[in-house]
N, C-alpha and C. Protein backbone atom coordinates (compact mmCIF):
# COMPACT_ATOMS: atom_id res chain seq x y z
N UNK A 1 -44.80 20.97 43.84
CA UNK A 1 -45.04 19.73 43.13
C UNK A 1 -45.51 18.66 44.09
N UNK A 2 -46.36 17.86 43.57
CA UNK A 2 -46.86 16.77 44.40
C UNK A 2 -45.94 15.58 44.25
N UNK A 3 -46.13 14.68 45.13
CA UNK A 3 -45.29 13.49 45.12
C UNK A 3 -45.54 12.64 43.89
N UNK A 4 -46.73 12.57 43.40
CA UNK A 4 -47.07 11.79 42.21
C UNK A 4 -46.40 12.39 40.99
N UNK A 5 -46.41 13.68 40.87
CA UNK A 5 -45.76 14.35 39.75
C UNK A 5 -44.25 14.11 39.80
N UNK A 6 -43.72 14.17 41.00
CA UNK A 6 -42.29 13.91 41.17
C UNK A 6 -41.95 12.49 40.75
N UNK A 7 -42.78 11.53 41.15
CA UNK A 7 -42.55 10.13 40.79
C UNK A 7 -42.68 9.92 39.29
N UNK A 8 -43.65 10.59 38.68
CA UNK A 8 -43.83 10.47 37.23
C UNK A 8 -42.61 11.05 36.49
N UNK A 9 -42.16 12.20 36.95
CA UNK A 9 -41.00 12.82 36.35
C UNK A 9 -39.77 11.94 36.54
N UNK A 10 -39.65 11.40 37.74
CA UNK A 10 -38.53 10.51 38.03
C UNK A 10 -38.59 9.26 37.14
N UNK A 11 -39.76 8.70 36.97
CA UNK A 11 -39.94 7.52 36.11
C UNK A 11 -39.59 7.85 34.66
N UNK A 12 -40.00 9.03 34.22
CA UNK A 12 -39.68 9.44 32.85
C UNK A 12 -38.16 9.57 32.67
N UNK A 13 -37.52 10.14 33.67
CA UNK A 13 -36.06 10.30 33.60
C UNK A 13 -35.37 8.94 33.56
N UNK A 14 -35.85 8.02 34.38
CA UNK A 14 -35.28 6.67 34.38
C UNK A 14 -35.50 6.01 33.03
N UNK A 15 -36.68 6.20 32.46
CA UNK A 15 -36.97 5.63 31.14
C UNK A 15 -36.04 6.23 30.07
N UNK A 16 -35.87 7.55 30.08
CA UNK A 16 -34.99 8.21 29.12
C UNK A 16 -33.55 7.74 29.31
N UNK A 17 -33.12 7.63 30.57
CA UNK A 17 -31.77 7.15 30.85
C UNK A 17 -31.58 5.74 30.31
N UNK A 18 -32.58 4.89 30.50
CA UNK A 18 -32.50 3.52 29.99
C UNK A 18 -32.44 3.51 28.46
N UNK A 19 -33.21 4.39 27.83
CA UNK A 19 -33.15 4.49 26.37
C UNK A 19 -31.75 4.90 25.92
N UNK A 20 -31.16 5.86 26.62
CA UNK A 20 -29.80 6.29 26.28
C UNK A 20 -28.80 5.15 26.48
N UNK A 21 -28.97 4.41 27.58
CA UNK A 21 -28.09 3.27 27.82
C UNK A 21 -28.22 2.23 26.71
N UNK A 22 -29.46 1.96 26.31
CA UNK A 22 -29.69 1.00 25.23
C UNK A 22 -29.06 1.50 23.93
N UNK A 23 -29.23 2.80 23.67
CA UNK A 23 -28.64 3.38 22.46
C UNK A 23 -27.12 3.31 22.51
N UNK A 24 -26.55 3.57 23.67
CA UNK A 24 -25.09 3.49 23.83
C UNK A 24 -24.62 2.07 23.57
N UNK A 25 -25.32 1.09 24.13
CA UNK A 25 -24.94 -0.31 23.91
C UNK A 25 -25.02 -0.68 22.43
N UNK A 26 -26.07 -0.21 21.77
CA UNK A 26 -26.23 -0.49 20.34
C UNK A 26 -25.10 0.16 19.54
N UNK A 27 -24.78 1.40 19.86
CA UNK A 27 -23.69 2.09 19.16
C UNK A 27 -22.34 1.43 19.45
N UNK A 28 -22.13 0.97 20.68
CA UNK A 28 -20.89 0.27 21.00
C UNK A 28 -20.78 -1.03 20.20
N UNK A 29 -21.92 -1.70 20.05
CA UNK A 29 -21.93 -2.94 19.27
C UNK A 29 -21.59 -2.64 17.81
N UNK A 30 -22.18 -1.57 17.26
CA UNK A 30 -21.89 -1.18 15.88
C UNK A 30 -20.41 -0.82 15.73
N UNK A 31 -19.87 -0.07 16.70
CA UNK A 31 -18.46 0.31 16.65
C UNK A 31 -17.57 -0.93 16.69
N UNK A 32 -17.93 -1.87 17.53
CA UNK A 32 -17.16 -3.10 17.63
C UNK A 32 -17.18 -3.86 16.30
N UNK A 33 -18.36 -3.94 15.68
CA UNK A 33 -18.47 -4.62 14.38
C UNK A 33 -17.66 -3.89 13.31
N UNK A 34 -17.73 -2.56 13.31
CA UNK A 34 -16.96 -1.78 12.32
C UNK A 34 -15.47 -1.93 12.57
N UNK A 35 -15.06 -1.94 13.84
CA UNK A 35 -13.64 -2.15 14.15
C UNK A 35 -13.18 -3.51 13.64
N UNK A 36 -14.02 -4.52 13.82
CA UNK A 36 -13.69 -5.86 13.33
C UNK A 36 -13.56 -5.85 11.81
N UNK A 37 -14.50 -5.19 11.14
CA UNK A 37 -14.46 -5.10 9.68
C UNK A 37 -13.20 -4.37 9.22
N UNK A 38 -12.88 -3.27 9.87
CA UNK A 38 -11.68 -2.50 9.52
C UNK A 38 -10.43 -3.36 9.74
N UNK A 39 -10.39 -4.08 10.86
CA UNK A 39 -9.24 -4.94 11.14
C UNK A 39 -9.09 -6.00 10.05
N UNK A 40 -10.20 -6.63 9.65
CA UNK A 40 -10.14 -7.66 8.60
C UNK A 40 -9.68 -7.06 7.27
N UNK A 41 -10.16 -5.87 6.95
CA UNK A 41 -9.73 -5.22 5.70
C UNK A 41 -8.25 -4.85 5.75
N UNK A 42 -7.82 -4.33 6.90
CA UNK A 42 -6.39 -4.00 7.05
C UNK A 42 -5.53 -5.26 6.90
N UNK A 43 -6.01 -6.35 7.47
CA UNK A 43 -5.29 -7.62 7.37
C UNK A 43 -5.20 -8.06 5.90
N UNK A 44 -6.31 -7.94 5.18
CA UNK A 44 -6.34 -8.32 3.76
C UNK A 44 -5.41 -7.41 2.95
N UNK A 45 -5.42 -6.12 3.24
CA UNK A 45 -4.55 -5.17 2.54
C UNK A 45 -3.09 -5.54 2.79
N UNK A 46 -2.75 -5.88 4.03
CA UNK A 46 -1.37 -6.27 4.35
C UNK A 46 -0.97 -7.53 3.59
N UNK A 47 -1.89 -8.50 3.51
CA UNK A 47 -1.61 -9.73 2.76
C UNK A 47 -1.39 -9.42 1.28
N UNK A 48 -2.24 -8.60 0.71
CA UNK A 48 -2.10 -8.25 -0.71
C UNK A 48 -0.81 -7.48 -0.97
N UNK A 49 -0.47 -6.57 -0.06
CA UNK A 49 0.78 -5.82 -0.21
C UNK A 49 1.98 -6.76 -0.15
N UNK A 50 1.94 -7.74 0.74
CA UNK A 50 3.06 -8.68 0.82
C UNK A 50 3.13 -9.54 -0.44
N UNK A 51 1.97 -9.92 -0.99
CA UNK A 51 1.96 -10.67 -2.25
C UNK A 51 2.56 -9.83 -3.38
N UNK A 52 2.22 -8.56 -3.41
CA UNK A 52 2.77 -7.66 -4.44
C UNK A 52 4.29 -7.59 -4.32
N UNK A 53 4.77 -7.45 -3.10
CA UNK A 53 6.22 -7.37 -2.88
C UNK A 53 6.91 -8.65 -3.35
N UNK A 54 6.32 -9.79 -3.00
CA UNK A 54 6.90 -11.08 -3.41
C UNK A 54 6.90 -11.19 -4.93
N UNK A 55 5.80 -10.82 -5.57
CA UNK A 55 5.72 -10.90 -7.03
C UNK A 55 6.71 -9.95 -7.69
N UNK A 56 6.88 -8.75 -7.13
CA UNK A 56 7.86 -7.81 -7.68
C UNK A 56 9.27 -8.38 -7.56
N UNK A 57 9.57 -9.00 -6.41
CA UNK A 57 10.90 -9.60 -6.22
C UNK A 57 11.12 -10.73 -7.22
N UNK A 58 10.11 -11.57 -7.40
CA UNK A 58 10.23 -12.66 -8.38
C UNK A 58 10.41 -12.10 -9.78
N UNK A 59 9.67 -11.06 -10.11
CA UNK A 59 9.79 -10.44 -11.43
C UNK A 59 11.18 -9.88 -11.65
N UNK A 60 11.72 -9.19 -10.64
CA UNK A 60 13.07 -8.64 -10.76
C UNK A 60 14.10 -9.75 -10.92
N UNK A 61 13.93 -10.82 -10.14
CA UNK A 61 14.85 -11.95 -10.24
C UNK A 61 14.78 -12.58 -11.63
N UNK A 62 13.56 -12.74 -12.13
CA UNK A 62 13.38 -13.33 -13.47
C UNK A 62 14.00 -12.43 -14.53
N UNK A 63 13.79 -11.12 -14.41
CA UNK A 63 14.38 -10.19 -15.37
C UNK A 63 15.90 -10.25 -15.32
N UNK A 64 16.46 -10.35 -14.12
CA UNK A 64 17.91 -10.45 -13.98
C UNK A 64 18.42 -11.72 -14.64
N UNK A 65 17.71 -12.83 -14.43
CA UNK A 65 18.13 -14.09 -15.05
C UNK A 65 18.03 -14.02 -16.57
N UNK A 66 16.95 -13.44 -17.07
CA UNK A 66 16.78 -13.31 -18.52
C UNK A 66 17.86 -12.42 -19.09
N UNK A 67 18.17 -11.33 -18.41
CA UNK A 67 19.21 -10.42 -18.89
C UNK A 67 20.57 -11.12 -18.88
N UNK A 68 20.83 -11.91 -17.85
CA UNK A 68 22.10 -12.64 -17.78
C UNK A 68 22.18 -13.65 -18.92
N UNK A 69 21.10 -14.39 -19.16
CA UNK A 69 21.08 -15.35 -20.27
C UNK A 69 21.29 -14.64 -21.60
N UNK A 70 20.65 -13.50 -21.75
CA UNK A 70 20.79 -12.72 -22.99
C UNK A 70 22.24 -12.28 -23.18
N UNK A 71 22.85 -11.76 -22.12
CA UNK A 71 24.24 -11.32 -22.21
C UNK A 71 25.17 -12.48 -22.53
N UNK A 72 24.91 -13.64 -21.91
CA UNK A 72 25.72 -14.83 -22.21
C UNK A 72 25.54 -15.25 -23.66
N UNK A 73 24.31 -15.19 -24.14
CA UNK A 73 24.03 -15.54 -25.54
C UNK A 73 24.74 -14.59 -26.48
N UNK A 74 24.67 -13.31 -26.19
CA UNK A 74 25.35 -12.30 -27.02
C UNK A 74 26.86 -12.54 -27.01
N UNK A 75 27.41 -12.81 -25.83
CA UNK A 75 28.84 -13.07 -25.72
C UNK A 75 29.23 -14.31 -26.52
N UNK A 76 28.41 -15.34 -26.45
CA UNK A 76 28.67 -16.56 -27.21
C UNK A 76 28.66 -16.27 -28.71
N UNK A 77 27.70 -15.48 -29.15
CA UNK A 77 27.63 -15.13 -30.57
C UNK A 77 28.84 -14.30 -31.00
N UNK A 78 29.27 -13.38 -30.15
CA UNK A 78 30.47 -12.59 -30.46
C UNK A 78 31.70 -13.51 -30.56
N UNK A 79 31.79 -14.47 -29.65
CA UNK A 79 32.91 -15.42 -29.69
C UNK A 79 32.88 -16.22 -30.99
N UNK A 80 31.68 -16.66 -31.40
CA UNK A 80 31.55 -17.41 -32.65
C UNK A 80 31.95 -16.54 -33.84
N UNK A 81 31.54 -15.29 -33.83
CA UNK A 81 31.89 -14.37 -34.93
C UNK A 81 33.40 -14.20 -35.00
N UNK A 82 34.04 -14.00 -33.83
CA UNK A 82 35.50 -13.85 -33.82
C UNK A 82 36.18 -15.10 -34.36
N UNK A 83 35.72 -16.27 -33.93
CA UNK A 83 36.31 -17.53 -34.39
C UNK A 83 36.12 -17.69 -35.90
N UNK A 84 34.94 -17.37 -36.39
CA UNK A 84 34.68 -17.49 -37.83
C UNK A 84 35.49 -16.46 -38.61
N UNK A 85 35.64 -15.26 -38.06
CA UNK A 85 36.46 -14.25 -38.73
C UNK A 85 37.92 -14.69 -38.83
N UNK A 86 38.40 -15.42 -37.83
CA UNK A 86 39.76 -15.94 -37.89
C UNK A 86 39.88 -17.03 -38.96
N UNK A 87 38.80 -17.77 -39.19
CA UNK A 87 38.83 -18.86 -40.17
C UNK A 87 38.72 -18.34 -41.59
N UNK A 88 38.10 -17.20 -41.79
CA UNK A 88 37.88 -16.67 -43.13
C UNK A 88 39.18 -16.50 -43.90
N UNK A 89 40.21 -15.84 -43.40
CA UNK A 89 41.44 -15.69 -44.18
C UNK A 89 42.11 -17.02 -44.49
N UNK A 90 41.95 -18.00 -43.64
CA UNK A 90 42.58 -19.28 -43.87
C UNK A 90 41.88 -20.09 -44.94
N UNK A 91 40.59 -19.98 -45.06
CA UNK A 91 39.86 -20.82 -46.00
C UNK A 91 39.51 -20.12 -47.30
N UNK A 92 39.76 -18.85 -47.39
CA UNK A 92 39.43 -18.12 -48.61
C UNK A 92 40.69 -17.50 -49.20
N UNK A 93 40.67 -17.31 -50.50
CA UNK A 93 41.78 -16.64 -51.17
C UNK A 93 41.23 -15.86 -52.35
N UNK A 94 42.02 -14.91 -52.79
CA UNK A 94 41.61 -14.12 -53.95
C UNK A 94 41.81 -14.93 -55.20
N UNK A 95 40.95 -14.71 -56.14
CA UNK A 95 41.07 -15.33 -57.45
C UNK A 95 41.19 -14.24 -58.48
N UNK A 96 42.07 -14.42 -59.39
CA UNK A 96 42.19 -13.44 -60.48
C UNK A 96 41.14 -13.75 -61.52
N UNK A 97 40.37 -12.75 -61.83
CA UNK A 97 39.31 -12.91 -62.82
C UNK A 97 39.46 -11.79 -63.83
N UNK A 98 39.26 -12.16 -65.07
CA UNK A 98 39.35 -11.15 -66.13
C UNK A 98 37.95 -10.91 -66.65
N UNK A 99 37.53 -9.65 -66.56
CA UNK A 99 36.22 -9.27 -67.04
C UNK A 99 36.42 -8.16 -68.04
N UNK A 100 35.98 -8.40 -69.28
CA UNK A 100 36.11 -7.42 -70.36
C UNK A 100 37.55 -6.92 -70.50
N UNK A 101 38.47 -7.83 -70.34
CA UNK A 101 39.87 -7.49 -70.52
C UNK A 101 40.51 -6.84 -69.31
N UNK A 102 39.78 -6.71 -68.20
CA UNK A 102 40.34 -6.10 -66.99
C UNK A 102 40.48 -7.19 -65.94
N UNK A 103 41.66 -7.28 -65.35
CA UNK A 103 41.88 -8.28 -64.31
C UNK A 103 41.40 -7.71 -62.97
N UNK A 104 40.70 -8.56 -62.24
CA UNK A 104 40.20 -8.16 -60.92
C UNK A 104 40.53 -9.24 -59.91
N UNK A 105 40.78 -8.84 -58.69
CA UNK A 105 41.07 -9.80 -57.62
C UNK A 105 40.01 -9.68 -56.52
N UNK A 106 38.81 -9.39 -56.89
CA UNK A 106 37.78 -9.17 -55.88
C UNK A 106 36.87 -10.37 -55.67
N UNK A 107 37.06 -11.40 -56.37
CA UNK A 107 36.19 -12.58 -56.22
C UNK A 107 36.88 -13.55 -55.30
N UNK A 108 36.14 -14.07 -54.34
CA UNK A 108 36.70 -15.00 -53.37
C UNK A 108 36.53 -16.42 -53.85
N UNK A 109 37.50 -17.21 -53.55
CA UNK A 109 37.42 -18.63 -53.84
C UNK A 109 37.54 -19.35 -52.51
N UNK A 110 36.58 -20.18 -52.21
CA UNK A 110 36.60 -20.91 -50.94
C UNK A 110 37.23 -22.26 -51.18
N UNK A 111 38.22 -22.62 -50.36
CA UNK A 111 38.91 -23.90 -50.52
C UNK A 111 38.12 -25.00 -49.85
């Protein structure tokens, strides 16, 4: 080989190496951008997951409060029913009624 051919081959190799270096830099830049995008998406996913957890906790707390209010309401109604049931015998009495010649004591009279 002559020296000119060697120099041409060497120049071509340097050119190809530079192209590879440029391609590597471009790919590294793309990787960096994709890593940044992935990081931002992961951050957004974490934020949304934390919002979901907070909303679930609030929902459970609200359901617990509603259930407690419901139970208190039911208990209050049961107490009212018991109190009214105690008042019924005191305020009502049987009345004798004659229907078609038959006496019955099934009609209530409220005092």
